[in-house]
Amino acid sequence: MKRHQIRIVGGHYRKTPISVPDGDHLRPTPDRVRETLFNWLAHFWDGSFAGRRVLDLFAGSGALGFEAASRGVALAQLVEQAPAALAGLRSVQARLQAPSIRIHAGDALAYLHALPAPSFDLLMLDPPFGGGWLERVHPLIGRALMPGGLLYLESGTAMAGPPPDCLLLRQGRAGQVHYALLQFAASQKNRNNDRPESGCDSPTLSESA
């Protein structure tokens, strides 16, 4: 299968190539968007990624998760279920030998439901466009992301406005990709139910084809 390549843009593994197979509907975050995102994170995290726990929920090529590992996070947890994408993730993981990288093969929603407690400082959501994934994931954000944690979103449409209990920090656009960084401010969550008592509700962050 034909492949094209992207590269890690910063950090310890800078310029490491990541192969992306064509035809698997993978849409890696563009280099300039990743560079912008991690500049934002450096600003809000006072220039230090050490000790941070990051969840790349729809990992795809792994561009976001591997970028986080390159910057020195304590944990870069990648979740993916497509076999071709998983093979690519494991290949890069073997090449980097980064102890912070973890790969989970499975469904994103099932992974969130199985989490014992919210423990991540950053949740990165770059799901396939047009599948209604953002609407399905939003009610479960509090299962992964700690209050005060950061939420990165990519979608094919502009964000109508920040949802309740989320503060919009930054946003931008690159071609057809709209992206935003928010802070999750919820303090009360009922983790026994699908929907938190407070958190990022989906209506104002809907994404469509």
N, C-alpha and C. Protein backbone atom coordinates (compact mmCIF):
# COMPACT_ATOMS: atom_id res chain seq x y z
N MET A 1 0.84 -1.19 0.00
CA MET A 1 0.00 0.00 0.00
C MET A 1 0.88 1.25 0.00
N LYS A 2 0.51 2.21 -0.81
CA LYS A 2 1.28 3.44 -0.90
C LYS A 2 1.26 4.18 0.44
N ARG A 3 2.39 4.79 0.79
CA ARG A 3 2.49 5.51 2.05
C ARG A 3 3.09 6.89 1.80
N HIS A 4 2.69 7.85 2.64
CA HIS A 4 3.39 9.11 2.68
C HIS A 4 3.89 9.31 4.10
N GLN A 5 4.73 10.30 4.30
CA GLN A 5 5.35 10.47 5.61
C GLN A 5 5.11 11.86 6.16
N ILE A 6 4.99 11.90 7.49
CA ILE A 6 5.03 13.16 8.22
C ILE A 6 6.21 13.04 9.19
N ARG A 7 6.51 14.11 9.90
CA ARG A 7 7.64 14.08 10.83
C ARG A 7 7.26 14.73 12.15
N ILE A 8 7.86 14.23 13.22
CA ILE A 8 7.74 14.90 14.51
C ILE A 8 8.44 16.25 14.40
N VAL A 9 7.76 17.30 14.84
CA VAL A 9 8.27 18.65 14.56
C VAL A 9 9.13 19.24 15.67
N GLY A 10 9.12 18.66 16.87
CA GLY A 10 9.91 19.24 17.95
C GLY A 10 10.28 18.23 19.01
N GLY A 11 11.15 18.63 19.91
CA GLY A 11 11.51 17.78 21.04
C GLY A 11 12.62 16.80 20.75
N HIS A 12 12.74 15.82 21.63
CA HIS A 12 13.84 14.85 21.59
C HIS A 12 13.86 14.03 20.30
N TYR A 13 12.67 13.71 19.76
CA TYR A 13 12.57 12.86 18.56
C TYR A 13 12.29 13.68 17.31
N ARG A 14 12.62 14.95 17.34
CA ARG A 14 12.40 15.85 16.21
C ARG A 14 12.95 15.28 14.91
N LYS A 15 12.16 15.41 13.85
CA LYS A 15 12.46 14.95 12.49
C LYS A 15 12.28 13.45 12.31
N THR A 16 11.87 12.73 13.35
CA THR A 16 11.59 11.30 13.18
C THR A 16 10.42 11.13 12.22
N PRO A 17 10.58 10.33 11.14
CA PRO A 17 9.47 10.15 10.20
C PRO A 17 8.41 9.20 10.73
N ILE A 18 7.17 9.48 10.37
CA ILE A 18 6.03 8.62 10.68
C ILE A 18 5.34 8.29 9.37
N SER A 19 5.30 7.03 9.01
CA SER A 19 4.66 6.61 7.77
C SER A 19 3.15 6.57 7.93
N VAL A 20 2.44 7.10 6.95
CA VAL A 20 0.98 7.15 6.97
C VAL A 20 0.46 6.44 5.71
N PRO A 21 -0.18 5.28 5.85
CA PRO A 21 -0.68 4.58 4.67
C PRO A 21 -1.87 5.31 4.06
N ASP A 22 -1.86 5.46 2.75
CA ASP A 22 -3.00 6.04 2.06
C ASP A 22 -4.16 5.05 2.05
N GLY A 23 -5.36 5.58 1.98
CA GLY A 23 -6.54 4.73 1.86
C GLY A 23 -7.11 4.26 3.17
N ASP A 24 -6.49 4.62 4.29
CA ASP A 24 -7.00 4.21 5.60
C ASP A 24 -7.76 5.34 6.30
N HIS A 25 -8.07 6.38 5.56
CA HIS A 25 -8.83 7.52 6.09
C HIS A 25 -8.12 8.17 7.27
N LEU A 26 -6.80 8.11 7.27
CA LEU A 26 -6.04 8.79 8.31
C LEU A 26 -5.80 10.23 7.88
N ARG A 27 -5.94 11.15 8.83
CA ARG A 27 -5.80 12.58 8.55
C ARG A 27 -4.88 13.16 9.62
N PRO A 28 -3.57 12.96 9.48
CA PRO A 28 -2.65 13.43 10.52
C PRO A 28 -2.74 14.94 10.70
N THR A 29 -2.63 15.39 11.94
CA THR A 29 -2.61 16.82 12.22
C THR A 29 -1.42 17.46 11.50
N PRO A 30 -1.65 18.51 10.70
CA PRO A 30 -0.56 19.13 9.95
C PRO A 30 0.58 19.62 10.84
N ASP A 31 1.77 19.65 10.28
CA ASP A 31 2.96 20.06 11.04
C ASP A 31 2.75 21.40 11.72
N ARG A 32 2.27 22.39 10.98
CA ARG A 32 2.16 23.74 11.56
C ARG A 32 1.12 23.80 12.66
N VAL A 33 0.09 22.96 12.57
CA VAL A 33 -0.91 22.91 13.63
C VAL A 33 -0.33 22.27 14.88
N ARG A 34 0.44 21.19 14.71
CA ARG A 34 1.08 20.57 15.86
C ARG A 34 2.08 21.51 16.53
N GLU A 35 2.83 22.22 15.71
CA GLU A 35 3.78 23.18 16.28
C GLU A 35 3.05 24.26 17.06
N THR A 36 1.94 24.75 16.52
CA THR A 36 1.14 25.76 17.23
C THR A 36 0.59 25.20 18.53
N LEU A 37 0.01 24.00 18.48
CA LEU A 37 -0.56 23.38 19.68
C LEU A 37 0.48 23.26 20.78
N PHE A 38 1.66 22.75 20.45
CA PHE A 38 2.66 22.51 21.49
C PHE A 38 3.31 23.80 21.97
N ASN A 39 3.28 24.83 21.15
CA ASN A 39 3.67 26.16 21.66
C ASN A 39 2.64 26.66 22.67
N TRP A 40 1.36 26.46 22.38
CA TRP A 40 0.31 26.82 23.34
C TRP A 40 0.51 26.07 24.65
N LEU A 41 0.72 24.75 24.55
CA LEU A 41 0.87 23.94 25.75
C LEU A 41 2.08 24.39 26.56
N ALA A 42 3.18 24.69 25.89
CA ALA A 42 4.37 25.17 26.59
C ALA A 42 4.05 26.45 27.36
N HIS A 43 3.24 27.30 26.77
CA HIS A 43 2.85 28.55 27.44
C HIS A 43 2.03 28.26 28.70
N PHE A 44 1.02 27.43 28.57
CA PHE A 44 0.12 27.19 29.70
C PHE A 44 0.73 26.26 30.75
N TRP A 45 1.74 25.49 30.36
CA TRP A 45 2.42 24.61 31.30
C TRP A 45 3.79 25.17 31.72
N ASP A 46 3.96 26.44 31.56
CA ASP A 46 5.20 27.13 31.99
C ASP A 46 6.46 26.49 31.40
N GLY A 47 6.33 26.02 30.15
CA GLY A 47 7.49 25.51 29.45
C GLY A 47 7.92 24.11 29.80
N SER A 48 7.19 23.43 30.69
CA SER A 48 7.60 22.10 31.13
C SER A 48 6.52 21.06 30.86
N PHE A 49 6.91 19.98 30.19
CA PHE A 49 6.00 18.87 29.92
C PHE A 49 6.24 17.71 30.90
N ALA A 50 7.26 17.81 31.70
CA ALA A 50 7.61 16.74 32.63
C ALA A 50 6.47 16.48 33.61
N GLY A 51 6.16 15.21 33.81
CA GLY A 51 5.11 14.83 34.73
C GLY A 51 3.71 14.85 34.16
N ARG A 52 3.53 15.37 32.94
CA ARG A 52 2.20 15.47 32.35
C ARG A 52 1.76 14.13 31.76
N ARG A 53 0.47 13.87 31.87
CA ARG A 53 -0.13 12.65 31.33
C ARG A 53 -1.10 13.04 30.22
N VAL A 54 -0.88 12.46 29.05
CA VAL A 54 -1.59 12.88 27.84
C VAL A 54 -2.31 11.68 27.23
N LEU A 55 -3.56 11.90 26.82
CA LEU A 55 -4.35 10.86 26.17
C LEU A 55 -4.68 11.30 24.75
N ASP A 56 -4.19 10.54 23.77
CA ASP A 56 -4.49 10.75 22.36
C ASP A 56 -5.54 9.70 22.00
N LEU A 57 -6.81 10.11 22.04
CA LEU A 57 -7.90 9.14 22.05
C LEU A 57 -8.17 8.51 20.69
N PHE A 58 -8.01 9.25 19.61
CA PHE A 58 -8.15 8.71 18.26
C PHE A 58 -6.79 8.86 17.59
N ALA A 59 -5.86 7.98 17.94
CA ALA A 59 -4.45 8.22 17.63
C ALA A 59 -4.16 8.26 16.14
N GLY A 60 -4.79 7.38 15.35
CA GLY A 60 -4.51 7.38 13.92
C GLY A 60 -3.04 7.14 13.63
N SER A 61 -2.39 8.10 13.01
CA SER A 61 -0.96 7.98 12.71
C SER A 61 -0.10 8.11 13.96
N GLY A 62 -0.67 8.65 15.05
CA GLY A 62 0.08 8.87 16.27
C GLY A 62 0.81 10.19 16.32
N ALA A 63 0.55 11.07 15.34
CA ALA A 63 1.29 12.33 15.25
C ALA A 63 1.22 13.13 16.54
N LEU A 64 0.02 13.25 17.13
CA LEU A 64 -0.13 14.04 18.35
C LEU A 64 0.52 13.36 19.55
N GLY A 65 0.26 12.07 19.71
CA GLY A 65 0.81 11.35 20.86
C GLY A 65 2.32 11.25 20.83
N PHE A 66 2.88 10.96 19.65
CA PHE A 66 4.34 10.88 19.54
C PHE A 66 4.98 12.25 19.74
N GLU A 67 4.30 13.29 19.29
CA GLU A 67 4.80 14.65 19.51
C GLU A 67 4.87 14.94 21.00
N ALA A 68 3.83 14.52 21.75
CA ALA A 68 3.82 14.73 23.20
C ALA A 68 4.97 13.97 23.86
N ALA A 69 5.20 12.72 23.42
CA ALA A 69 6.31 11.94 23.98
C ALA A 69 7.64 12.60 23.68
N SER A 70 7.77 13.17 22.48
CA SER A 70 9.00 13.84 22.11
C SER A 70 9.29 15.05 22.98
N ARG A 71 8.21 15.68 23.49
CA ARG A 71 8.39 16.87 24.34
C ARG A 71 8.67 16.52 25.80
N GLY A 72 8.57 15.21 26.15
CA GLY A 72 8.97 14.80 27.49
C GLY A 72 7.87 14.56 28.49
N VAL A 73 6.64 14.25 28.02
CA VAL A 73 5.57 13.96 28.97
C VAL A 73 5.85 12.65 29.70
N ALA A 74 5.22 12.49 30.86
CA ALA A 74 5.40 11.27 31.64
C ALA A 74 4.68 10.09 31.00
N LEU A 75 3.53 10.35 30.39
CA LEU A 75 2.75 9.30 29.74
C LEU A 75 2.08 9.86 28.49
N ALA A 76 2.28 9.17 27.38
CA ALA A 76 1.55 9.45 26.15
C ALA A 76 0.76 8.20 25.81
N GLN A 77 -0.52 8.21 26.17
CA GLN A 77 -1.39 7.05 25.96
C GLN A 77 -2.12 7.22 24.63
N LEU A 78 -1.88 6.30 23.70
CA LEU A 78 -2.50 6.33 22.39
C LEU A 78 -3.57 5.24 22.32
N VAL A 79 -4.75 5.59 21.82
CA VAL A 79 -5.85 4.64 21.67
C VAL A 79 -6.25 4.58 20.20
N GLU A 80 -6.29 3.38 19.65
CA GLU A 80 -6.63 3.20 18.23
C GLU A 80 -7.15 1.78 18.03
N GLN A 81 -8.06 1.60 17.06
CA GLN A 81 -8.56 0.24 16.82
C GLN A 81 -8.36 -0.24 15.39
N ALA A 82 -8.07 0.62 14.43
CA ALA A 82 -7.87 0.19 13.04
C ALA A 82 -6.56 -0.59 12.92
N PRO A 83 -6.60 -1.81 12.38
CA PRO A 83 -5.39 -2.65 12.32
C PRO A 83 -4.21 -1.99 11.63
N ALA A 84 -4.43 -1.35 10.47
CA ALA A 84 -3.31 -0.74 9.75
C ALA A 84 -2.69 0.38 10.56
N ALA A 85 -3.54 1.20 11.19
CA ALA A 85 -3.03 2.29 12.01
C ALA A 85 -2.27 1.75 13.22
N LEU A 86 -2.79 0.71 13.85
CA LEU A 86 -2.12 0.10 15.00
C LEU A 86 -0.73 -0.42 14.62
N ALA A 87 -0.63 -1.05 13.47
CA ALA A 87 0.67 -1.56 13.02
C ALA A 87 1.66 -0.41 12.87
N GLY A 88 1.18 0.72 12.33
CA GLY A 88 2.04 1.88 12.18
C GLY A 88 2.47 2.44 13.52
N LEU A 89 1.55 2.51 14.46
CA LEU A 89 1.87 3.03 15.80
C LEU A 89 2.93 2.17 16.48
N ARG A 90 2.76 0.86 16.38
CA ARG A 90 3.70 -0.04 17.04
C ARG A 90 5.08 0.01 16.39
N SER A 91 5.10 0.24 15.08
CA SER A 91 6.38 0.36 14.40
C SER A 91 7.16 1.59 14.89
N VAL A 92 6.46 2.71 15.00
CA VAL A 92 7.12 3.93 15.49
C VAL A 92 7.51 3.77 16.95
N GLN A 93 6.65 3.17 17.76
CA GLN A 93 6.96 2.94 19.17
C GLN A 93 8.24 2.12 19.30
N ALA A 94 8.38 1.07 18.49
CA ALA A 94 9.58 0.23 18.55
C ALA A 94 10.82 1.00 18.14
N ARG A 95 10.66 1.91 17.19
CA ARG A 95 11.80 2.69 16.72
C ARG A 95 12.24 3.71 17.77
N LEU A 96 11.28 4.37 18.41
CA LEU A 96 11.61 5.42 19.38
C LEU A 96 12.10 4.86 20.71
N GLN A 97 11.55 3.70 21.10
CA GLN A 97 11.90 3.11 22.40
C GLN A 97 11.68 4.12 23.53
N ALA A 98 10.62 4.89 23.44
CA ALA A 98 10.31 5.90 24.46
C ALA A 98 9.48 5.25 25.56
N PRO A 99 9.95 5.26 26.81
CA PRO A 99 9.23 4.59 27.89
C PRO A 99 7.87 5.22 28.20
N SER A 100 7.64 6.44 27.76
CA SER A 100 6.39 7.12 28.08
C SER A 100 5.23 6.69 27.17
N ILE A 101 5.52 6.04 26.05
CA ILE A 101 4.49 5.72 25.07
C ILE A 101 3.78 4.42 25.43
N ARG A 102 2.45 4.49 25.46
CA ARG A 102 1.63 3.30 25.65
C ARG A 102 0.59 3.26 24.54
N ILE A 103 0.30 2.09 24.02
CA ILE A 103 -0.67 1.93 22.95
C ILE A 103 -1.76 0.97 23.39
N HIS A 104 -3.01 1.40 23.27
CA HIS A 104 -4.16 0.55 23.60
C HIS A 104 -4.93 0.27 22.31
N ALA A 105 -5.11 -1.01 22.01
CA ALA A 105 -5.87 -1.42 20.83
C ALA A 105 -7.33 -1.61 21.23
N GLY A 106 -8.19 -0.70 20.78
CA GLY A 106 -9.59 -0.84 21.12
C GLY A 106 -10.39 0.41 20.81
N ASP A 107 -11.66 0.33 21.14
CA ASP A 107 -12.61 1.41 20.87
C ASP A 107 -12.42 2.57 21.85
N ALA A 108 -12.51 3.79 21.34
CA ALA A 108 -12.29 4.97 22.16
C ALA A 108 -13.32 5.09 23.28
N LEU A 109 -14.58 4.88 22.98
CA LEU A 109 -15.62 5.01 24.01
C LEU A 109 -15.47 3.93 25.08
N ALA A 110 -15.17 2.71 24.66
CA ALA A 110 -14.98 1.63 25.63
C ALA A 110 -13.79 1.93 26.54
N TYR A 111 -12.75 2.52 25.98
CA TYR A 111 -11.58 2.87 26.79
C TYR A 111 -11.97 3.88 27.86
N LEU A 112 -12.73 4.91 27.49
CA LEU A 112 -13.14 5.91 28.46
C LEU A 112 -14.00 5.30 29.56
N HIS A 113 -14.93 4.44 29.17
CA HIS A 113 -15.82 3.80 30.16
C HIS A 113 -15.03 2.95 31.16
N ALA A 114 -13.91 2.39 30.72
CA ALA A 114 -13.14 1.49 31.58
C ALA A 114 -12.17 2.21 32.51
N LEU A 115 -11.98 3.50 32.34
CA LEU A 115 -11.03 4.22 33.18
C LEU A 115 -11.49 4.23 34.64
N PRO A 116 -10.60 3.89 35.59
CA PRO A 116 -11.01 3.85 36.99
C PRO A 116 -11.18 5.22 37.62
N ALA A 117 -10.47 6.23 37.09
CA ALA A 117 -10.54 7.58 37.64
C ALA A 117 -9.90 8.54 36.64
N PRO A 118 -10.35 9.79 36.62
CA PRO A 118 -9.71 10.77 35.73
C PRO A 118 -8.27 11.04 36.16
N SER A 119 -7.32 10.96 35.23
CA SER A 119 -5.92 11.10 35.60
C SER A 119 -5.08 11.82 34.56
N PHE A 120 -5.71 12.35 33.50
CA PHE A 120 -4.95 12.95 32.42
C PHE A 120 -4.96 14.48 32.52
N ASP A 121 -3.82 15.06 32.16
CA ASP A 121 -3.67 16.52 32.13
C ASP A 121 -4.10 17.10 30.79
N LEU A 122 -4.08 16.28 29.75
CA LEU A 122 -4.44 16.73 28.41
C LEU A 122 -5.15 15.60 27.68
N LEU A 123 -6.29 15.92 27.10
CA LEU A 123 -7.02 14.99 26.26
C LEU A 123 -7.05 15.56 24.85
N MET A 124 -6.54 14.81 23.88
CA MET A 124 -6.50 15.26 22.50
C MET A 124 -7.53 14.48 21.69
N LEU A 125 -8.47 15.20 21.09
CA LEU A 125 -9.55 14.60 20.32
C LEU A 125 -9.45 15.04 18.87
N ASP A 126 -9.02 14.13 18.03
CA ASP A 126 -8.95 14.36 16.58
C ASP A 126 -9.62 13.18 15.89
N PRO A 127 -10.94 13.04 16.07
CA PRO A 127 -11.64 11.89 15.51
C PRO A 127 -11.90 12.07 14.02
N PRO A 128 -12.30 10.99 13.31
CA PRO A 128 -12.69 11.14 11.91
C PRO A 128 -13.82 12.15 11.77
N PHE A 129 -13.70 13.02 10.78
CA PHE A 129 -14.73 14.02 10.56
C PHE A 129 -16.01 13.36 10.05
N GLY A 130 -17.14 13.92 10.46
CA GLY A 130 -18.42 13.51 9.92
C GLY A 130 -19.03 12.26 10.53
N GLY A 131 -18.41 11.70 11.56
CA GLY A 131 -18.94 10.48 12.16
C GLY A 131 -19.70 10.69 13.46
N GLY A 132 -19.86 11.94 13.86
CA GLY A 132 -20.55 12.22 15.12
C GLY A 132 -19.76 11.85 16.35
N TRP A 133 -18.44 11.67 16.20
CA TRP A 133 -17.63 11.22 17.33
C TRP A 133 -17.53 12.25 18.44
N LEU A 134 -17.41 13.50 18.08
CA LEU A 134 -17.26 14.52 19.12
C LEU A 134 -18.49 14.54 20.03
N GLU A 135 -19.67 14.42 19.43
CA GLU A 135 -20.90 14.42 20.24
C GLU A 135 -20.95 13.23 21.19
N ARG A 136 -20.43 12.10 20.74
CA ARG A 136 -20.46 10.90 21.59
C ARG A 136 -19.40 10.93 22.69
N VAL A 137 -18.29 11.56 22.41
CA VAL A 137 -17.19 11.57 23.38
C VAL A 137 -17.37 12.66 24.44
N HIS A 138 -17.93 13.79 24.08
CA HIS A 138 -18.02 14.92 25.01
C HIS A 138 -18.59 14.58 26.38
N PRO A 139 -19.69 13.80 26.46
CA PRO A 139 -20.22 13.49 27.80
C PRO A 139 -19.30 12.66 28.67
N LEU A 140 -18.26 12.07 28.06
CA LEU A 140 -17.37 11.17 28.80
C LEU A 140 -16.02 11.82 29.12
N ILE A 141 -15.85 13.07 28.77
CA ILE A 141 -14.56 13.73 28.97
C ILE A 141 -14.11 13.69 30.42
N GLY A 142 -15.06 13.88 31.34
CA GLY A 142 -14.74 13.89 32.77
C GLY A 142 -14.26 12.56 33.30
N ARG A 143 -14.42 11.49 32.55
CA ARG A 143 -13.90 10.20 32.98
C ARG A 143 -12.39 10.12 32.81
N ALA A 144 -11.84 10.96 31.93
CA ALA A 144 -10.40 10.93 31.65
C ALA A 144 -9.68 12.16 32.15
N LEU A 145 -10.29 13.32 31.95
CA LEU A 145 -9.58 14.59 32.15
C LEU A 145 -9.86 15.16 33.53
N MET A 146 -8.78 15.49 34.25
CA MET A 146 -8.92 16.06 35.58
C MET A 146 -9.41 17.50 35.49
N PRO A 147 -10.16 17.97 36.50
CA PRO A 147 -10.55 19.38 36.53
C PRO A 147 -9.33 20.28 36.39
N GLY A 148 -9.44 21.27 35.54
CA GLY A 148 -8.31 22.14 35.27
C GLY A 148 -7.41 21.64 34.16
N GLY A 149 -7.66 20.40 33.68
CA GLY A 149 -6.88 19.86 32.58
C GLY A 149 -7.23 20.54 31.27
N LEU A 150 -6.46 20.23 30.25
CA LEU A 150 -6.64 20.85 28.95
C LEU A 150 -7.24 19.88 27.94
N LEU A 151 -8.05 20.43 27.06
CA LEU A 151 -8.75 19.66 26.04
C LEU A 151 -8.42 20.25 24.67
N TYR A 152 -7.86 19.42 23.79
CA TYR A 152 -7.56 19.85 22.42
C TYR A 152 -8.54 19.19 21.47
N LEU A 153 -9.15 19.99 20.61
CA LEU A 153 -10.16 19.50 19.67
C LEU A 153 -9.78 19.86 18.25
N GLU A 154 -10.02 18.92 17.33
CA GLU A 154 -9.98 19.20 15.90
C GLU A 154 -11.30 18.79 15.28
N SER A 155 -11.79 19.59 14.35
CA SER A 155 -13.03 19.25 13.67
C SER A 155 -13.06 19.88 12.29
N GLY A 156 -14.05 19.47 11.51
CA GLY A 156 -14.20 20.00 10.17
C GLY A 156 -15.04 21.24 10.10
N THR A 157 -15.60 21.66 11.23
CA THR A 157 -16.41 22.87 11.29
C THR A 157 -15.96 23.73 12.45
N ALA A 158 -16.26 25.02 12.38
CA ALA A 158 -15.86 25.94 13.43
C ALA A 158 -16.66 25.67 14.70
N MET A 159 -16.03 25.89 15.85
CA MET A 159 -16.69 25.74 17.13
C MET A 159 -17.66 26.89 17.34
N ALA A 160 -18.91 26.57 17.68
CA ALA A 160 -19.92 27.61 17.87
C ALA A 160 -19.67 28.43 19.12
N GLY A 161 -19.01 27.86 20.10
CA GLY A 161 -18.72 28.55 21.35
C GLY A 161 -18.28 27.54 22.39
N PRO A 162 -17.57 27.99 23.42
CA PRO A 162 -17.11 27.05 24.45
C PRO A 162 -18.29 26.46 25.20
N PRO A 163 -18.26 25.15 25.48
CA PRO A 163 -19.35 24.50 26.22
C PRO A 163 -19.30 24.87 27.70
N PRO A 164 -20.36 24.57 28.44
CA PRO A 164 -20.37 24.83 29.88
C PRO A 164 -19.19 24.16 30.57
N ASP A 165 -18.60 24.88 31.52
CA ASP A 165 -17.49 24.37 32.31
C ASP A 165 -16.21 24.18 31.52
N CYS A 166 -16.15 24.77 30.33
CA CYS A 166 -14.91 24.77 29.56
C CYS A 166 -14.59 26.21 29.17
N LEU A 167 -13.35 26.58 29.35
CA LEU A 167 -12.88 27.91 29.00
C LEU A 167 -12.05 27.82 27.73
N LEU A 168 -12.44 28.55 26.71
CA LEU A 168 -11.68 28.58 25.47
C LEU A 168 -10.39 29.37 25.67
N LEU A 169 -9.27 28.73 25.43
CA LEU A 169 -7.97 29.37 25.60
C LEU A 169 -7.40 29.88 24.29
N ARG A 170 -7.45 29.04 23.27
CA ARG A 170 -6.90 29.38 21.97
C ARG A 170 -7.70 28.65 20.88
N GLN A 171 -7.73 29.21 19.69
CA GLN A 171 -8.31 28.50 18.56
C GLN A 171 -7.68 28.98 17.27
N GLY A 172 -7.76 28.16 16.23
CA GLY A 172 -7.18 28.51 14.95
C GLY A 172 -7.78 27.67 13.84
N ARG A 173 -7.31 27.94 12.64
CA ARG A 173 -7.78 27.20 11.47
C ARG A 173 -6.63 27.04 10.50
N ALA A 174 -6.53 25.85 9.90
CA ALA A 174 -5.55 25.57 8.87
C ALA A 174 -6.27 24.81 7.75
N GLY A 175 -6.60 25.52 6.67
CA GLY A 175 -7.36 24.89 5.60
C GLY A 175 -8.75 24.50 6.09
N GLN A 176 -9.08 23.21 5.97
CA GLN A 176 -10.38 22.72 6.41
C GLN A 176 -10.38 22.27 7.87
N VAL A 177 -9.25 22.39 8.53
CA VAL A 177 -9.14 21.92 9.92
C VAL A 177 -9.33 23.09 10.89
N HIS A 178 -10.32 22.96 11.77
CA HIS A 178 -10.53 23.92 12.86
C HIS A 178 -10.02 23.27 14.14
N TYR A 179 -9.27 24.01 14.93
CA TYR A 179 -8.70 23.42 16.14
C TYR A 179 -8.77 24.42 17.29
N ALA A 180 -8.85 23.88 18.49
CA ALA A 180 -9.01 24.73 19.67
C ALA A 180 -8.43 24.05 20.90
N LEU A 181 -7.95 24.86 21.82
CA LEU A 181 -7.47 24.39 23.11
C LEU A 181 -8.35 25.02 24.18
N LEU A 182 -8.90 24.16 25.06
CA LEU A 182 -9.80 24.60 26.12
C LEU A 182 -9.31 24.09 27.46
N GLN A 183 -9.81 24.70 28.52
CA GLN A 183 -9.53 24.22 29.87
C GLN A 183 -10.81 23.66 30.45
N PHE A 184 -10.70 22.46 30.99
CA PHE A 184 -11.83 21.75 31.58
C PHE A 184 -11.93 22.15 33.05
N ALA A 185 -13.05 22.80 33.42
CA ALA A 185 -13.15 23.38 34.75
C ALA A 185 -14.12 22.65 35.66
N ALA A 186 -14.72 21.56 35.20
CA ALA A 186 -15.73 20.89 36.01
C ALA A 186 -15.14 20.36 37.31
N SER A 187 -15.90 20.48 38.39
CA SER A 187 -15.44 19.99 39.68
C SER A 187 -16.31 18.87 40.24
N GLN A 188 -17.51 18.71 39.69
CA GLN A 188 -18.42 17.67 40.15
C GLN A 188 -18.78 16.77 38.97
N LYS A 189 -18.43 15.49 39.07
CA LYS A 189 -18.72 14.55 37.99
C LYS A 189 -19.28 13.26 38.58
N ASN A 190 -20.33 12.78 37.98
CA ASN A 190 -20.88 11.49 38.38
C ASN A 190 -20.33 10.44 37.43
N ARG A 191 -19.31 9.75 37.84
CA ARG A 191 -18.64 8.83 36.95
C ARG A 191 -19.35 7.48 36.84
N ASN A 192 -20.46 7.30 37.55
CA ASN A 192 -21.21 6.06 37.41
C ASN A 192 -22.21 6.13 36.26
N ASN A 193 -22.40 7.33 35.72
CA ASN A 193 -23.32 7.51 34.61
C ASN A 193 -22.55 7.87 33.36
N ASP A 194 -23.21 7.76 32.20
CA ASP A 194 -22.57 8.11 30.95
C ASP A 194 -22.29 9.60 30.87
N ARG A 195 -23.17 10.43 31.45
CA ARG A 195 -23.02 11.87 31.33
C ARG A 195 -22.61 12.46 32.68
N PRO A 196 -21.50 13.23 32.72
CA PRO A 196 -21.12 13.87 33.96
C PRO A 196 -22.16 14.87 34.41
N GLU A 197 -22.22 15.13 35.72
CA GLU A 197 -23.14 16.13 36.23
C GLU A 197 -22.76 17.51 35.72
N SER A 198 -21.48 17.77 35.56
CA SER A 198 -21.03 18.99 34.90
C SER A 198 -19.80 18.66 34.09
N GLY A 199 -19.65 19.34 32.99
CA GLY A 199 -18.53 19.05 32.12
C GLY A 199 -18.79 19.60 30.76
N CYS A 200 -18.04 19.12 29.76
CA CYS A 200 -18.15 19.64 28.41
C CYS A 200 -19.32 18.96 27.72
N ASP A 201 -20.45 19.61 27.64
CA ASP A 201 -21.59 19.07 26.91
C ASP A 201 -21.37 19.29 25.42
N SER A 202 -22.07 18.50 24.60
CA SER A 202 -21.75 18.46 23.19
C SER A 202 -22.41 19.51 22.31
N PRO A 203 -23.57 20.09 22.60
CA PRO A 203 -24.26 20.87 21.58
C PRO A 203 -23.44 21.99 20.96
N THR A 204 -22.64 22.72 21.73
CA THR A 204 -21.92 23.85 21.16
C THR A 204 -20.63 23.43 20.47
N LEU A 205 -20.29 22.15 20.53
CA LEU A 205 -19.08 21.68 19.87
C LEU A 205 -19.40 20.64 18.82
N SER A 206 -20.59 20.70 18.24
CA SER A 206 -20.99 19.69 17.27
C SER A 206 -20.11 19.76 16.04
N GLU A 207 -19.92 18.61 15.40
CA GLU A 207 -19.08 18.51 14.22
C GLU A 207 -19.83 17.71 13.20
N SER A 208 -19.83 18.15 11.98
CA SER A 208 -20.55 17.46 10.93
C SER A 208 -19.70 17.35 9.68
N ALA A 209 -20.16 16.53 8.74
CA ALA A 209 -19.40 16.33 7.51
C ALA A 209 -19.34 17.61 6.70
